[in-house]
Amino acid sequence: MDRETQGGWVYIMSDRHRGTMYVGVTADLAARVTHHRQGTGSDFYARYGLKQLVLAERFDTIENAITFEKRLKRWRREWKFELVEEANPNWDDLLKHLI
């Protein structure tokens, strides 16, 4: 399966309910979140210690995921909060559901 057809994930990591958020995109969600938690993710992530996966949306292609991630990064914080709370009202850590 090539990169274009394997699909992708847009995800949001957070430090707490309605706290600091990191928006990212990946083809392998579990591996990427593990990298973040081990401190090998982004500098932003490492600086703020974001440990909770609070949103994960799957896309058919990585290109669609990248397009949505770019759009989501331009959203206002409140809109991102509403998106998380629509899918995950308690801001639970979703990684346990993926592994």
N, C-alpha and C. Protein backbone atom coordinates (compact mmCIF):
# COMPACT_ATOMS: atom_id res chain seq x y z
N MET A 1 0.85 -1.18 0.00
CA MET A 1 0.00 0.00 0.00
C MET A 1 0.90 1.24 0.00
N ASP A 2 0.63 2.18 -0.89
CA ASP A 2 1.46 3.37 -0.94
C ASP A 2 0.96 4.45 0.02
N ARG A 3 1.80 5.44 0.23
CA ARG A 3 1.52 6.51 1.19
C ARG A 3 0.19 7.21 0.91
N GLU A 4 -0.13 7.42 -0.36
CA GLU A 4 -1.34 8.16 -0.71
C GLU A 4 -2.62 7.40 -0.37
N THR A 5 -2.56 6.07 -0.38
CA THR A 5 -3.79 5.30 -0.17
C THR A 5 -3.90 4.66 1.21
N GLN A 6 -2.90 4.80 2.05
CA GLN A 6 -2.98 4.15 3.36
C GLN A 6 -3.85 4.90 4.36
N GLY A 7 -4.20 6.11 4.06
CA GLY A 7 -5.04 6.87 4.97
C GLY A 7 -4.21 7.64 5.98
N GLY A 8 -4.92 8.37 6.82
CA GLY A 8 -4.22 9.18 7.81
C GLY A 8 -5.13 9.60 8.94
N TRP A 9 -4.53 10.17 9.93
CA TRP A 9 -5.23 10.62 11.13
C TRP A 9 -4.90 12.09 11.39
N VAL A 10 -5.90 12.84 11.80
CA VAL A 10 -5.70 14.15 12.40
C VAL A 10 -6.00 13.96 13.87
N TYR A 11 -5.13 14.49 14.71
CA TYR A 11 -5.29 14.26 16.14
C TYR A 11 -5.02 15.54 16.93
N ILE A 12 -5.56 15.57 18.13
CA ILE A 12 -5.29 16.66 19.06
C ILE A 12 -4.82 16.06 20.37
N MET A 13 -3.67 16.54 20.82
CA MET A 13 -3.12 16.19 22.13
C MET A 13 -3.36 17.39 23.05
N SER A 14 -3.54 17.13 24.34
CA SER A 14 -3.76 18.21 25.30
C SER A 14 -3.12 17.87 26.63
N ASP A 15 -2.90 18.89 27.45
CA ASP A 15 -2.35 18.67 28.78
C ASP A 15 -3.45 18.51 29.83
N ARG A 16 -4.65 19.01 29.52
CA ARG A 16 -5.77 18.94 30.47
C ARG A 16 -7.04 19.42 29.77
N HIS A 17 -8.15 19.32 30.46
CA HIS A 17 -9.43 19.79 29.93
C HIS A 17 -9.32 21.27 29.55
N ARG A 18 -9.61 21.56 28.30
CA ARG A 18 -9.57 22.92 27.75
C ARG A 18 -8.23 23.62 27.98
N GLY A 19 -7.17 22.84 27.97
CA GLY A 19 -5.83 23.40 28.17
C GLY A 19 -5.11 23.63 26.85
N THR A 20 -3.81 23.53 26.90
CA THR A 20 -2.97 23.68 25.72
C THR A 20 -3.23 22.51 24.77
N MET A 21 -3.29 22.81 23.49
CA MET A 21 -3.57 21.77 22.50
C MET A 21 -2.50 21.74 21.43
N TYR A 22 -2.27 20.55 20.88
CA TYR A 22 -1.38 20.35 19.74
C TYR A 22 -2.17 19.61 18.68
N VAL A 23 -2.21 20.15 17.47
CA VAL A 23 -2.90 19.52 16.35
C VAL A 23 -1.84 18.91 15.44
N GLY A 24 -2.02 17.63 15.10
CA GLY A 24 -1.05 16.96 14.25
C GLY A 24 -1.72 16.03 13.25
N VAL A 25 -0.91 15.49 12.36
CA VAL A 25 -1.37 14.55 11.34
C VAL A 25 -0.35 13.43 11.24
N THR A 26 -0.83 12.21 11.02
CA THR A 26 0.06 11.05 10.92
C THR A 26 -0.64 9.92 10.20
N ALA A 27 0.16 9.00 9.69
CA ALA A 27 -0.39 7.78 9.10
C ALA A 27 -0.49 6.67 10.15
N ASP A 28 0.30 6.77 11.22
CA ASP A 28 0.33 5.74 12.27
C ASP A 28 0.10 6.43 13.62
N LEU A 29 -1.15 6.49 14.02
CA LEU A 29 -1.53 7.26 15.20
C LEU A 29 -0.88 6.73 16.48
N ALA A 30 -0.96 5.44 16.72
CA ALA A 30 -0.42 4.87 17.96
C ALA A 30 1.08 5.15 18.07
N ALA A 31 1.81 4.98 16.98
CA ALA A 31 3.26 5.23 17.00
C ALA A 31 3.56 6.71 17.23
N ARG A 32 2.81 7.59 16.59
CA ARG A 32 3.05 9.03 16.74
C ARG A 32 2.78 9.48 18.17
N VAL A 33 1.69 9.04 18.76
CA VAL A 33 1.38 9.41 20.13
C VAL A 33 2.45 8.86 21.08
N THR A 34 2.91 7.66 20.83
CA THR A 34 3.99 7.09 21.64
C THR A 34 5.24 7.95 21.53
N HIS A 35 5.58 8.40 20.33
CA HIS A 35 6.73 9.29 20.16
C HIS A 35 6.56 10.55 20.98
N HIS A 36 5.37 11.15 20.91
CA HIS A 36 5.11 12.36 21.70
C HIS A 36 5.34 12.09 23.18
N ARG A 37 4.80 11.01 23.67
CA ARG A 37 4.90 10.71 25.10
C ARG A 37 6.32 10.39 25.54
N GLN A 38 7.13 9.93 24.62
CA GLN A 38 8.53 9.65 24.93
C GLN A 38 9.42 10.89 24.77
N GLY A 39 8.81 11.99 24.38
CA GLY A 39 9.57 13.23 24.22
C GLY A 39 10.25 13.37 22.88
N THR A 40 9.92 12.52 21.92
CA THR A 40 10.53 12.60 20.60
C THR A 40 9.56 13.15 19.57
N GLY A 41 8.48 13.75 20.03
CA GLY A 41 7.54 14.40 19.12
C GLY A 41 8.03 15.80 18.80
N SER A 42 7.17 16.74 18.67
CA SER A 42 7.54 18.10 18.32
C SER A 42 8.13 18.86 19.51
N ASP A 43 8.83 19.95 19.23
CA ASP A 43 9.36 20.81 20.29
C ASP A 43 8.21 21.42 21.09
N PHE A 44 7.14 21.81 20.40
CA PHE A 44 5.97 22.39 21.07
C PHE A 44 5.41 21.41 22.08
N TYR A 45 5.27 20.17 21.64
CA TYR A 45 4.73 19.14 22.51
C TYR A 45 5.62 18.97 23.74
N ALA A 46 6.92 18.87 23.52
CA ALA A 46 7.86 18.65 24.62
C ALA A 46 7.82 19.82 25.61
N ARG A 47 7.71 21.03 25.12
CA ARG A 47 7.69 22.22 25.99
C ARG A 47 6.47 22.22 26.92
N TYR A 48 5.32 21.78 26.42
CA TYR A 48 4.09 21.85 27.20
C TYR A 48 3.66 20.53 27.82
N GLY A 49 4.35 19.45 27.54
CA GLY A 49 4.05 18.16 28.15
C GLY A 49 2.65 17.64 27.89
N LEU A 50 2.24 17.68 26.64
CA LEU A 50 0.89 17.25 26.27
C LEU A 50 0.84 15.73 26.24
N LYS A 51 0.05 15.12 27.11
CA LYS A 51 0.06 13.67 27.25
C LYS A 51 -1.25 12.99 26.87
N GLN A 52 -2.33 13.75 26.74
CA GLN A 52 -3.63 13.15 26.48
C GLN A 52 -4.01 13.27 25.00
N LEU A 53 -4.34 12.15 24.40
CA LEU A 53 -4.91 12.14 23.05
C LEU A 53 -6.41 12.37 23.23
N VAL A 54 -6.89 13.56 22.86
CA VAL A 54 -8.30 13.89 23.12
C VAL A 54 -9.17 13.86 21.87
N LEU A 55 -8.55 13.81 20.69
CA LEU A 55 -9.32 13.72 19.46
C LEU A 55 -8.50 12.99 18.42
N ALA A 56 -9.14 12.10 17.69
CA ALA A 56 -8.49 11.39 16.59
C ALA A 56 -9.53 11.15 15.51
N GLU A 57 -9.29 11.69 14.33
CA GLU A 57 -10.21 11.51 13.21
C GLU A 57 -9.47 10.84 12.06
N ARG A 58 -10.04 9.77 11.54
CA ARG A 58 -9.45 8.98 10.45
C ARG A 58 -9.92 9.51 9.11
N PHE A 59 -9.00 9.54 8.13
CA PHE A 59 -9.29 9.97 6.77
C PHE A 59 -8.85 8.88 5.80
N ASP A 60 -9.54 8.77 4.67
CA ASP A 60 -9.24 7.74 3.68
C ASP A 60 -7.86 7.89 3.06
N THR A 61 -7.42 9.13 2.88
CA THR A 61 -6.09 9.37 2.32
C THR A 61 -5.31 10.32 3.22
N ILE A 62 -3.99 10.21 3.17
CA ILE A 62 -3.16 11.12 3.96
C ILE A 62 -3.32 12.55 3.47
N GLU A 63 -3.56 12.73 2.18
CA GLU A 63 -3.76 14.08 1.64
C GLU A 63 -4.99 14.74 2.26
N ASN A 64 -6.08 13.98 2.39
CA ASN A 64 -7.29 14.53 3.03
C ASN A 64 -7.02 14.89 4.48
N ALA A 65 -6.24 14.06 5.16
CA ALA A 65 -5.90 14.33 6.55
C ALA A 65 -5.06 15.61 6.66
N ILE A 66 -4.09 15.76 5.77
CA ILE A 66 -3.23 16.96 5.78
C ILE A 66 -4.05 18.21 5.50
N THR A 67 -4.96 18.12 4.55
CA THR A 67 -5.82 19.26 4.23
C THR A 67 -6.65 19.68 5.44
N PHE A 68 -7.25 18.69 6.14
CA PHE A 68 -8.06 19.02 7.31
C PHE A 68 -7.18 19.57 8.44
N GLU A 69 -6.01 18.99 8.64
CA GLU A 69 -5.11 19.47 9.70
C GLU A 69 -4.75 20.94 9.47
N LYS A 70 -4.42 21.30 8.25
CA LYS A 70 -4.07 22.69 7.95
C LYS A 70 -5.24 23.62 8.24
N ARG A 71 -6.45 23.18 7.88
CA ARG A 71 -7.64 23.99 8.15
C ARG A 71 -7.89 24.10 9.66
N LEU A 72 -7.77 22.97 10.36
CA LEU A 72 -8.01 22.94 11.80
C LEU A 72 -7.04 23.83 12.56
N LYS A 73 -5.81 23.89 12.12
CA LYS A 73 -4.81 24.74 12.80
C LYS A 73 -5.17 26.21 12.72
N ARG A 74 -5.98 26.60 11.74
CA ARG A 74 -6.40 28.00 11.61
C ARG A 74 -7.67 28.32 12.42
N TRP A 75 -8.31 27.30 12.96
CA TRP A 75 -9.53 27.52 13.74
C TRP A 75 -9.22 28.25 15.04
N ARG A 76 -10.22 28.94 15.56
CA ARG A 76 -10.13 29.54 16.89
C ARG A 76 -10.11 28.44 17.94
N ARG A 77 -9.48 28.73 19.08
CA ARG A 77 -9.40 27.76 20.18
C ARG A 77 -10.77 27.23 20.58
N GLU A 78 -11.73 28.13 20.70
CA GLU A 78 -13.07 27.72 21.13
C GLU A 78 -13.68 26.71 20.16
N TRP A 79 -13.46 26.89 18.88
CA TRP A 79 -13.97 25.95 17.88
C TRP A 79 -13.32 24.58 18.06
N LYS A 80 -12.02 24.58 18.35
CA LYS A 80 -11.32 23.31 18.60
C LYS A 80 -11.87 22.64 19.86
N PHE A 81 -12.10 23.43 20.90
CA PHE A 81 -12.71 22.88 22.13
C PHE A 81 -14.03 22.21 21.80
N GLU A 82 -14.88 22.90 21.01
CA GLU A 82 -16.18 22.35 20.65
C GLU A 82 -16.05 21.07 19.84
N LEU A 83 -15.08 21.01 18.94
CA LEU A 83 -14.85 19.80 18.15
C LEU A 83 -14.47 18.63 19.06
N VAL A 84 -13.56 18.87 19.99
CA VAL A 84 -13.16 17.82 20.94
C VAL A 84 -14.36 17.38 21.76
N GLU A 85 -15.10 18.34 22.31
CA GLU A 85 -16.19 18.02 23.22
C GLU A 85 -17.36 17.33 22.52
N GLU A 86 -17.51 17.54 21.22
CA GLU A 86 -18.56 16.84 20.48
C GLU A 86 -18.26 15.34 20.43
N ALA A 87 -16.99 15.00 20.26
CA ALA A 87 -16.58 13.59 20.16
C ALA A 87 -16.15 13.00 21.49
N ASN A 88 -15.67 13.84 22.39
CA ASN A 88 -15.06 13.38 23.64
C ASN A 88 -15.38 14.38 24.75
N PRO A 89 -16.62 14.40 25.24
CA PRO A 89 -17.07 15.44 26.18
C PRO A 89 -16.25 15.52 27.47
N ASN A 90 -15.68 14.42 27.91
CA ASN A 90 -14.92 14.42 29.17
C ASN A 90 -13.42 14.59 28.96
N TRP A 91 -13.00 14.80 27.73
CA TRP A 91 -11.59 14.95 27.40
C TRP A 91 -10.79 13.75 27.90
N ASP A 92 -11.36 12.55 27.72
CA ASP A 92 -10.66 11.33 28.12
C ASP A 92 -9.47 11.09 27.21
N ASP A 93 -8.47 10.37 27.72
CA ASP A 93 -7.33 9.97 26.91
C ASP A 93 -7.76 8.83 26.01
N LEU A 94 -7.76 9.04 24.70
CA LEU A 94 -8.28 8.07 23.75
C LEU A 94 -7.29 7.00 23.34
N LEU A 95 -6.03 7.14 23.70
CA LEU A 95 -5.03 6.17 23.25
C LEU A 95 -5.37 4.76 23.74
N LYS A 96 -5.92 4.65 24.93
CA LYS A 96 -6.26 3.32 25.46
C LYS A 96 -7.27 2.60 24.58
N HIS A 97 -8.04 3.33 23.79
CA HIS A 97 -9.02 2.72 22.89
C HIS A 97 -8.40 2.27 21.57
N LEU A 98 -7.18 2.72 21.31
CA LEU A 98 -6.52 2.41 20.04
C LEU A 98 -5.54 1.25 20.14
N ILE A 99 -5.09 0.94 21.34
CA ILE A 99 -4.09 -0.13 21.50
C ILE A 99 -4.66 -1.30 22.25
